[in-house]
Structures are given as C-alpha cells and as structure tokens.
N, C-alpha and C. Protein backbone atom coordinates (compact mmCIF):
# COMPACT_ATOMS: atom_id res chain seq x y z
N UNK A 1 97.85 100.63 99.05
CA UNK A 1 98.95 101.33 97.60
C UNK A 1 97.89 101.64 96.52
N UNK A 2 98.15 103.06 96.53
CA UNK A 2 97.12 104.07 95.54
C UNK A 2 98.01 103.71 93.87
N UNK A 3 97.24 103.56 92.93
CA UNK A 3 97.71 103.29 91.55
C UNK A 3 96.59 104.67 91.12
N UNK A 4 98.02 105.20 90.35
CA UNK A 4 97.07 106.35 89.11
C UNK A 4 96.16 105.54 87.60
N UNK A 5 96.08 104.21 87.62
CA UNK A 5 96.26 103.30 86.67
C UNK A 5 94.91 102.90 87.05
N UNK A 6 93.71 102.50 86.01
CA UNK A 6 92.46 102.52 86.02
C UNK A 6 92.48 100.40 86.52
N UNK A 7 91.64 100.41 86.31
CA UNK A 7 91.87 98.79 86.80
C UNK A 7 90.83 98.59 85.25
N UNK A 8 91.15 97.41 84.99
CA UNK A 8 90.96 96.65 83.02
C UNK A 8 89.65 95.82 83.58
N UNK A 9 90.26 94.28 83.84
CA UNK A 9 89.34 93.74 84.48
C UNK A 9 88.84 93.00 85.54
N UNK A 10 88.14 92.87 86.21
CA UNK A 10 87.60 92.45 87.84
C UNK A 10 87.15 91.25 87.32
N UNK A 11 87.71 90.22 87.95
CA UNK A 11 87.33 88.46 88.14
C UNK A 11 87.23 88.26 89.63
N UNK A 12 85.77 87.95 89.95
CA UNK A 12 85.60 87.14 90.92
C UNK A 12 84.66 86.22 90.28
N UNK A 13 85.59 84.51 91.63
CA UNK A 13 84.26 83.92 91.38
C UNK A 13 85.29 82.61 92.17
N UNK A 14 84.79 82.83 93.83
CA UNK A 14 85.31 81.87 94.43
C UNK A 14 84.19 81.11 95.66
N UNK A 15 83.13 80.34 94.63
CA UNK A 15 82.22 79.39 94.76
C UNK A 15 81.46 79.59 96.17
N UNK A 16 82.01 81.01 97.04
CA UNK A 16 80.52 81.01 97.85
C UNK A 16 80.34 82.10 98.37
N UNK A 17 81.15 83.66 98.57
CA UNK A 17 81.05 84.68 99.12
C UNK A 17 81.12 85.26 97.81
N UNK A 18 80.67 84.91 97.19
CA UNK A 18 81.64 86.12 95.30
C UNK A 18 81.29 87.20 95.44
N UNK A 19 79.03 87.77 95.55
CA UNK A 19 78.17 88.70 95.92
C UNK A 19 79.36 89.75 97.01
N UNK A 20 79.71 89.11 97.81
CA UNK A 20 79.90 90.70 98.60
C UNK A 20 81.52 90.66 98.18
N UNK A 21 82.19 90.09 97.51
CA UNK A 21 83.92 90.32 97.66
C UNK A 21 83.23 91.44 96.22
N UNK A 22 82.22 91.14 95.52
CA UNK A 22 82.16 91.79 94.26
C UNK A 22 81.50 92.84 95.33
N UNK A 23 80.54 92.95 96.54
CA UNK A 23 80.51 94.42 96.12
C UNK A 23 81.39 95.24 96.49
N UNK A 24 82.38 94.75 97.35
CA UNK A 24 83.45 95.96 98.24
C UNK A 24 84.54 95.95 96.98
N UNK A 25 84.52 94.71 95.79
CA UNK A 25 85.58 96.09 94.74
C UNK A 25 85.06 96.22 93.37
N UNK A 26 83.51 96.56 93.96
CA UNK A 26 83.09 97.05 93.10
C UNK A 26 83.26 98.92 93.13
N UNK A 27 83.81 99.05 93.68
CA UNK A 27 83.57 100.75 93.75
C UNK A 27 85.05 100.77 93.01
N UNK A 28 86.29 100.16 92.53
CA UNK A 28 87.09 100.24 92.12
C UNK A 28 87.04 100.59 90.69
N UNK A 29 85.87 100.40 90.15
CA UNK A 29 85.29 100.93 89.05
C UNK A 29 85.85 100.29 87.55
N UNK A 30 86.23 98.76 87.91
CA UNK A 30 86.73 98.57 86.95
C UNK A 30 85.91 98.62 85.62
N UNK A 31 86.53 98.27 84.39
CA UNK A 31 85.86 98.63 82.86
C UNK A 31 85.14 97.36 82.76
N UNK A 32 85.84 96.44 83.06
CA UNK A 32 84.78 95.37 82.98
C UNK A 32 84.92 94.03 83.97
N UNK A 33 83.83 93.64 84.55
CA UNK A 33 83.65 92.71 84.86
C UNK A 33 82.91 91.55 85.22
N UNK A 34 83.84 90.06 85.08
CA UNK A 34 83.36 89.32 85.15
C UNK A 34 83.06 88.21 86.40
N UNK A 35 82.13 88.19 86.70
CA UNK A 35 81.32 87.71 87.95
C UNK A 35 81.13 85.91 87.82
N UNK A 36 81.32 84.98 88.36
CA UNK A 36 80.60 83.77 88.80
C UNK A 36 80.14 84.08 88.93
N UNK A 37 78.82 83.15 89.08
CA UNK A 37 77.18 82.47 90.00
C UNK A 37 76.32 81.86 89.57
N UNK A 38 75.61 81.37 90.52
CA UNK A 38 75.30 79.64 90.75
C UNK A 38 73.44 79.77 89.78
N UNK A 39 74.58 79.05 88.56
CA UNK A 39 72.68 78.58 88.03
C UNK A 39 72.09 77.42 88.45
N UNK A 40 72.41 77.22 89.67
CA UNK A 40 71.01 77.04 90.41
C UNK A 40 70.18 77.39 90.76
N UNK A 41 70.72 78.43 91.15
CA UNK A 41 70.00 79.97 91.68
C UNK A 41 68.50 80.34 90.60
N UNK A 42 68.65 79.96 89.29
CA UNK A 42 68.08 80.63 88.56
C UNK A 42 67.65 81.74 88.93
N UNK A 43 66.59 82.59 88.35
CA UNK A 43 66.52 83.78 87.74
C UNK A 43 66.46 84.52 89.46
N UNK A 44 66.25 84.09 90.28
CA UNK A 44 65.99 84.69 91.41
C UNK A 44 67.20 85.50 91.83
N UNK A 45 66.51 86.48 93.04
CA UNK A 45 67.37 87.78 93.03
C UNK A 45 68.01 86.74 94.61
N UNK A 46 69.11 86.66 94.91
CA UNK A 46 69.25 85.80 95.92
C UNK A 46 71.35 85.74 96.00
N UNK A 47 71.12 84.93 97.60
CA UNK A 47 72.69 84.87 97.45
C UNK A 47 72.30 83.96 98.91
N UNK A 48 74.03 82.93 98.66
CA UNK A 48 73.41 82.46 100.19
C UNK A 48 74.10 83.63 100.93
N UNK A 49 73.44 83.13 102.39
CA UNK A 49 74.56 84.69 103.84
C UNK A 49 75.53 83.67 103.62
N UNK A 50 76.48 85.40 104.71
CA UNK A 50 77.55 85.51 103.95
C UNK A 50 77.53 84.98 105.19
N UNK A 51 79.46 83.57 105.53
CA UNK A 51 79.58 82.74 106.08
C UNK A 51 81.21 82.90 106.00
N UNK A 52 81.87 84.00 107.08
CA UNK A 52 83.48 83.95 106.69
C UNK A 52 83.54 82.29 106.90
N UNK A 53 83.52 81.36 107.01
CA UNK A 53 84.19 80.11 106.78
C UNK A 53 83.20 79.34 105.65
N UNK A 54 83.53 80.02 104.91
CA UNK A 54 82.48 79.15 104.12
C UNK A 54 82.84 78.22 103.18
N UNK A 55 82.30 77.17 102.81
CA UNK A 55 83.14 75.88 101.82
C UNK A 55 81.98 74.82 101.26
N UNK A 56 81.83 75.22 100.41
CA UNK A 56 80.95 75.07 99.24
C UNK A 56 80.20 73.28 99.91
N UNK A 57 81.76 72.65 99.92
CA UNK A 57 81.41 70.89 100.39
C UNK A 57 80.95 70.70 101.59
N UNK A 58 80.63 71.96 102.58
CA UNK A 58 80.49 71.44 104.03
C UNK A 58 78.52 71.87 104.07
N UNK A 59 78.63 73.12 103.06
CA UNK A 59 77.66 74.03 103.26
C UNK A 59 76.05 72.92 103.09
N UNK A 60 76.72 72.15 102.11
CA UNK A 60 75.33 71.10 102.14
C UNK A 60 75.63 70.30 101.04
N UNK A 61 75.53 69.04 101.27
CA UNK A 61 75.18 67.32 100.31
C UNK A 61 75.82 67.61 99.32
N UNK A 62 74.77 68.72 98.59
CA UNK A 62 74.89 68.50 97.03
C UNK A 62 75.83 69.18 96.36
N UNK A 63 76.55 69.92 97.43
CA UNK A 63 77.20 71.30 96.64
C UNK A 63 77.30 72.18 96.48
N UNK A 64 75.80 72.57 95.86
CA UNK A 64 75.05 73.13 94.83
C UNK A 64 74.51 74.13 95.84
N UNK A 65 74.76 74.58 96.59
CA UNK A 65 74.93 75.59 97.35
C UNK A 65 75.80 76.86 97.75
N UNK A 66 75.93 78.20 97.28
CA UNK A 66 76.51 78.64 96.85
C UNK A 66 76.42 79.69 96.18
N UNK A 67 77.16 80.94 96.45
CA UNK A 67 77.51 82.33 95.49
C UNK A 67 75.96 83.02 95.51
N UNK A 68 75.25 83.69 94.23
CA UNK A 68 75.10 84.12 93.54
C UNK A 68 74.01 84.06 92.95
N UNK A 69 72.62 84.13 92.54
CA UNK A 69 72.62 83.88 91.42
C UNK A 69 72.87 85.77 89.92
N UNK A 70 72.27 84.74 88.77
CA UNK A 70 72.80 86.04 88.13
C UNK A 70 72.03 86.93 88.76
N UNK A 71 70.73 86.78 88.57
CA UNK A 71 69.73 88.16 88.69
C UNK A 71 70.58 89.10 90.53
N UNK A 72 70.93 88.15 90.91
CA UNK A 72 71.32 88.93 92.16
C UNK A 72 72.64 90.24 91.83
N UNK A 73 73.79 89.24 91.32
CA UNK A 73 74.84 90.12 90.43
C UNK A 73 74.22 91.30 88.91
N UNK A 74 73.68 90.63 88.73
CA UNK A 74 73.03 91.99 88.29
C UNK A 74 71.91 92.51 88.48
N UNK A 75 71.50 92.88 89.77
CA UNK A 75 71.14 94.24 90.41
C UNK A 75 72.57 95.00 90.91
N UNK A 76 73.43 94.41 91.60
CA UNK A 76 74.62 95.03 92.55
C UNK A 76 75.95 95.56 90.89
N UNK A 77 75.39 95.12 90.17
CA UNK A 77 76.38 95.57 89.14
C UNK A 77 75.78 97.01 88.21
N UNK A 78 74.34 96.52 87.97
CA UNK A 78 73.56 98.62 87.66
C UNK A 78 73.19 99.05 88.72
N UNK A 79 73.36 98.79 89.57
CA UNK A 79 73.50 99.66 90.39
C UNK A 79 74.52 101.18 90.63
N UNK A 80 75.51 100.59 90.15
CA UNK A 80 76.98 100.43 90.37
C UNK A 80 77.49 101.40 88.72
N UNK A 81 76.00 101.19 87.88
CA UNK A 81 76.13 101.88 86.25
C UNK A 81 77.40 100.78 85.78
N UNK A 82 76.43 99.66 85.55
CA UNK A 82 77.16 98.51 83.62
C UNK A 82 75.94 97.62 84.07
N UNK A 83 76.36 97.41 82.52
CA UNK A 83 75.46 96.78 82.14
C UNK A 83 75.94 94.86 81.79
N UNK A 84 74.73 94.70 81.53
CA UNK A 84 75.20 92.74 80.87
C UNK A 84 75.02 93.24 79.96
N UNK A 85 76.64 92.09 78.96
CA UNK A 85 76.81 92.34 77.60
C UNK A 85 76.90 90.42 77.18
N UNK A 86 77.35 89.76 78.48
CA UNK A 86 77.22 88.67 77.84
C UNK A 86 76.79 86.85 78.87
N UNK A 87 77.15 85.98 78.01
CA UNK A 87 77.50 84.73 79.18
C UNK A 87 77.51 83.95 78.84
N UNK A 88 79.24 83.29 79.96
CA UNK A 88 79.64 82.24 79.39
C UNK A 88 78.84 80.72 79.25
N UNK A 89 79.52 79.97 77.71
CA UNK A 89 79.19 79.38 77.12
C UNK A 89 78.25 78.48 78.16
N UNK A 90 78.73 77.92 78.93
CA UNK A 90 78.47 77.24 79.95
C UNK A 90 77.56 77.74 81.37
N UNK A 91 77.23 78.82 81.30
CA UNK A 91 76.37 79.53 82.20
C UNK A 91 76.62 79.83 83.03
N UNK A 92 78.31 80.09 84.13
CA UNK A 92 77.93 80.60 85.26
C UNK A 92 78.85 81.82 85.01
N UNK A 93 79.61 82.60 83.78
CA UNK A 93 80.18 83.20 84.32
C UNK A 93 79.16 84.47 83.55
N UNK A 94 79.40 86.17 84.20
CA UNK A 94 78.51 86.59 83.66
C UNK A 94 79.14 87.56 83.12
N UNK A 95 79.90 88.39 82.32
CA UNK A 95 80.40 89.39 81.50
C UNK A 95 79.85 90.74 81.50
N UNK A 96 80.05 92.08 82.41
CA UNK A 96 79.57 92.96 82.48
C UNK A 96 80.88 94.56 82.28
N UNK A 97 80.22 95.04 81.30
CA UNK A 97 80.94 96.51 80.67
C UNK A 97 80.15 97.22 81.28
N UNK A 98 81.09 98.59 81.94
CA UNK A 98 80.95 99.99 82.73
C UNK A 98 80.03 100.44 81.28
N UNK A 99 79.04 101.61 82.19
CA UNK A 99 77.79 102.04 80.90
C UNK A 99 78.97 103.27 80.12
N UNK A 100 80.01 103.83 81.01
CA UNK A 100 80.23 105.29 80.33
C UNK A 100 81.14 104.51 78.93
N UNK A 101 81.40 103.11 78.83
CA UNK A 101 82.07 102.65 77.74
C UNK A 101 81.61 102.10 76.64
N UNK A 102 80.68 101.76 76.86
CA UNK A 102 79.52 100.82 75.78
C UNK A 102 79.05 101.65 74.76
N UNK A 103 79.06 101.28 73.42
CA UNK A 103 79.12 102.23 72.48
C UNK A 103 77.52 102.05 71.67
N UNK A 104 77.31 102.36 71.39
CA UNK A 104 75.40 102.55 70.69
C UNK A 104 75.59 101.39 69.59
N UNK A 105 76.26 100.33 69.38
CA UNK A 105 76.45 98.97 68.81
C UNK A 105 76.06 97.80 69.55
N UNK A 106 76.20 98.07 70.98
CA UNK A 106 76.63 97.27 71.96
C UNK A 106 75.62 96.56 72.77
N UNK A 107 75.15 94.91 73.04
CA UNK A 107 74.11 95.06 72.93
C UNK A 107 73.75 93.82 74.54
N UNK A 108 72.84 95.43 74.82
CA UNK A 108 72.86 94.97 76.13
C UNK A 108 71.82 93.46 76.56
N UNK A 109 72.40 92.70 77.89
CA UNK A 109 71.49 91.96 77.62
C UNK A 109 70.72 92.07 78.63
N UNK A 110 69.22 91.39 78.92
CA UNK A 110 68.48 91.85 80.43
C UNK A 110 69.23 89.92 80.80
N UNK A 111 68.93 89.83 82.28
CA UNK A 111 69.09 88.71 82.89
C UNK A 111 68.09 87.34 81.81
N UNK A 112 67.03 87.65 82.28
CA UNK A 112 66.21 86.47 81.04
C UNK A 112 67.25 85.80 79.50
N UNK A 113 67.60 86.62 79.06
CA UNK A 113 68.24 86.15 78.12
C UNK A 113 69.45 86.21 77.98
N UNK A 114 70.40 86.51 79.08
CA UNK A 114 71.81 85.79 79.45
C UNK A 114 71.70 84.32 79.99
N UNK A 115 70.93 84.11 80.65
CA UNK A 115 71.04 82.96 81.64
C UNK A 115 70.36 81.82 80.31
N UNK A 116 71.07 80.87 81.24
CA UNK A 116 71.34 79.46 80.46
C UNK A 116 70.67 78.29 81.50
N UNK A 117 70.03 77.34 81.46
CA UNK A 117 69.61 76.12 81.79
C UNK A 117 71.10 75.09 81.93
N UNK A 118 71.73 74.50 82.65
CA UNK A 118 73.15 74.30 82.80
C UNK A 118 72.56 72.58 82.62
N UNK A 119 72.98 72.13 81.93
CA UNK A 119 72.92 70.55 81.84
C UNK A 119 74.43 69.85 82.83
N UNK A 120 74.44 69.51 83.19
CA UNK A 120 75.23 68.75 84.36
C UNK A 120 76.28 66.78 83.92
N UNK A 121 77.15 67.03 83.42
CA UNK A 121 77.44 65.58 83.77
C UNK A 121 77.01 64.71 84.48
N UNK A 122 76.02 64.89 85.05
CA UNK A 122 74.96 63.90 86.09
C UNK A 122 74.14 64.21 85.24
N UNK A 123 73.33 64.11 83.86
CA UNK A 123 72.04 64.87 83.14
C UNK A 123 70.90 65.71 84.03
N UNK A 124 71.15 65.40 85.08
CA UNK A 124 70.39 66.56 85.67
C UNK A 124 70.67 68.10 85.11
N UNK A 125 69.83 69.22 85.45
CA UNK A 125 69.75 71.12 84.93
C UNK A 125 69.89 71.16 86.14
N UNK A 126 70.12 72.69 85.85
CA UNK A 126 69.53 73.89 86.64
C UNK A 126 68.95 74.30 87.63
N UNK A 127 67.49 73.77 87.10
CA UNK A 127 65.70 73.66 87.54
C UNK A 127 66.00 72.98 88.50
N UNK A 128 66.51 70.99 87.83
CA UNK A 128 65.81 70.50 88.88
C UNK A 128 67.23 70.51 90.65
N UNK A 129 68.29 71.70 89.76
CA UNK A 129 68.99 71.24 90.76
C UNK A 129 68.36 72.31 92.11
N UNK A 130 67.99 73.19 91.18
CA UNK A 130 67.10 74.46 92.27
C UNK A 130 65.99 73.70 93.66
N UNK A 131 65.00 73.06 92.47
CA UNK A 131 64.50 72.07 94.19
C UNK A 131 65.26 71.46 94.77
N UNK A 132 66.19 70.85 94.21
CA UNK A 132 67.17 70.04 95.71
C UNK A 132 67.47 71.42 96.93
N UNK A 133 68.20 72.50 96.54
CA UNK A 133 67.88 73.92 97.73
C UNK A 133 67.46 74.90 97.93
N UNK A 134 66.61 74.20 97.13
CA UNK A 134 65.43 76.20 97.18
C UNK A 134 64.67 76.22 99.01
N UNK A 135 64.79 75.01 100.36
CA UNK A 135 64.60 75.40 101.35
C UNK A 135 65.20 75.64 102.08
N UNK A 136 66.74 76.26 101.52
CA UNK A 136 67.30 76.80 102.32
C UNK A 136 67.74 78.32 102.61
N UNK A 137 68.29 79.34 103.39
CA UNK A 137 67.94 80.59 103.84
C UNK A 137 69.19 81.41 102.43
N UNK A 138 68.78 82.10 102.62
CA UNK A 138 68.76 83.16 101.56
C UNK A 138 68.88 84.44 101.34
N UNK A 139 69.43 85.70 100.89
CA UNK A 139 69.00 86.48 101.62
C UNK A 139 68.78 87.02 99.90
N UNK A 140 67.51 88.26 100.00
CA UNK A 140 67.39 88.43 98.89
C UNK A 140 67.62 90.29 98.10
N UNK A 141 68.36 90.57 97.67
CA UNK A 141 69.25 91.41 96.65
C UNK A 141 68.23 92.74 96.76
N UNK A 142 66.91 92.19 96.05
CA UNK A 142 65.74 93.15 95.64
C UNK A 142 65.25 93.77 96.42
N UNK A 143 65.16 93.15 97.96
CA UNK A 143 64.72 93.85 99.41
C UNK A 143 65.05 93.88 100.09
N UNK A 144 66.15 93.74 100.21
CA UNK A 144 67.38 93.95 101.26
C UNK A 144 68.13 94.91 101.26
N UNK A 145 67.52 95.44 101.95
CA UNK A 145 69.17 97.01 102.55
C UNK A 145 70.70 96.43 102.33
N UNK A 146 71.69 96.69 102.04
CA UNK A 146 73.36 95.62 102.35
C UNK A 146 73.33 96.57 103.52
N UNK A 147 72.91 97.08 103.64
CA UNK A 147 73.53 97.96 105.42
C UNK A 147 72.59 97.17 106.21
N UNK A 148 71.91 96.57 106.07
CA UNK A 148 71.12 95.92 106.94
C UNK A 148 71.86 94.33 107.31
N UNK A 149 72.17 93.34 105.95
CA UNK A 149 72.65 91.99 106.00
C UNK A 149 73.41 91.93 106.76
N UNK A 150 73.03 90.54 107.72
CA UNK A 150 73.85 90.19 108.67
C UNK A 150 75.46 89.55 107.80
N UNK A 151 76.93 89.97 109.17
CA UNK A 151 77.53 89.04 108.47
C UNK A 151 78.40 89.25 107.38
N UNK A 152 78.09 90.83 106.88
CA UNK A 152 78.88 90.96 105.28
C UNK A 152 79.40 91.70 105.87
N UNK A 153 81.06 91.14 104.71
CA UNK A 153 81.47 91.72 104.55
C UNK A 153 82.32 93.54 104.87
N UNK A 154 83.06 93.78 105.55
CA UNK A 154 83.12 95.38 106.10
C UNK A 154 85.33 95.64 106.06
C-alpha cells in the first residue's frame, strides 16, 4: 500500500529485535523516531543477536538480555540522518528527529548526555545488571557491516 502522506512518528518497542525492525523501517523517513533500548547494555554499541522466536523471558533467567543499547540505536539513526534530542525520564526510550527538520534552537544530545542509569524496583541499577549479562553473545554495530549480520530480518 502506497501513501502520499509522510510518516510523522515511528515508534519501535518490542523488547527484543527492536534494532532490526528499526533498521528495516527507517527507510520510511519518519519525522520522529521513538525507539526503546536496553539500558542494561550501558554505552556499549551492541545488540542481542537476531532470533526469530525471541522471548526475553526465555533468553536469560534475568529477563535483561534483549534489544539494543542506546549507542547502537543512535549509531543506526545517525547513519540515516537523525539526531538524538531526548531520552525518557525512566531511561528506556530515545527520541530522534530527522536532521532536515531541526532548527538552530534544537539541542542535539550525545549518547553520553542522554544516557541515564536506571534504578530498578529491586534496588539494582542498570550498571549492576550489565554484570549479570555481559558474558552473553552480542553484535557490535560499530564494527559489523549490517549486510554480514547472521539471521537479520530481510
């Protein structure tokens, strides 16, 4: 179905293959992208490898192993002409605006400026949670060409 209207907002938050969905949908050139990210991955430009049957409650007993980091999402968005302008108060959703829509008054954020350490209800923090899952396999988006990623959505 083809539309003559521009896509205003694209929001991706599926607790799993978010990066890969965004990678396919970003070509629609929405004005604004809202992307969920995994705060437990810290500032590492990584994502959990693609799994067509992904279920975060099964992947790891902690439920912390899913999705992509803010750095990974930012890397993808920057490659397609978007800038990070905000991160939600709870530190799990990032807001990007297409660069051609920005004004000189808009304040772009670096990943370091936008990232917030999250405190979970059990008292743990995102950095403590990284220690629980850091041994698991990851894809580093800053070093891997997307066309060579195993199992990617096509």
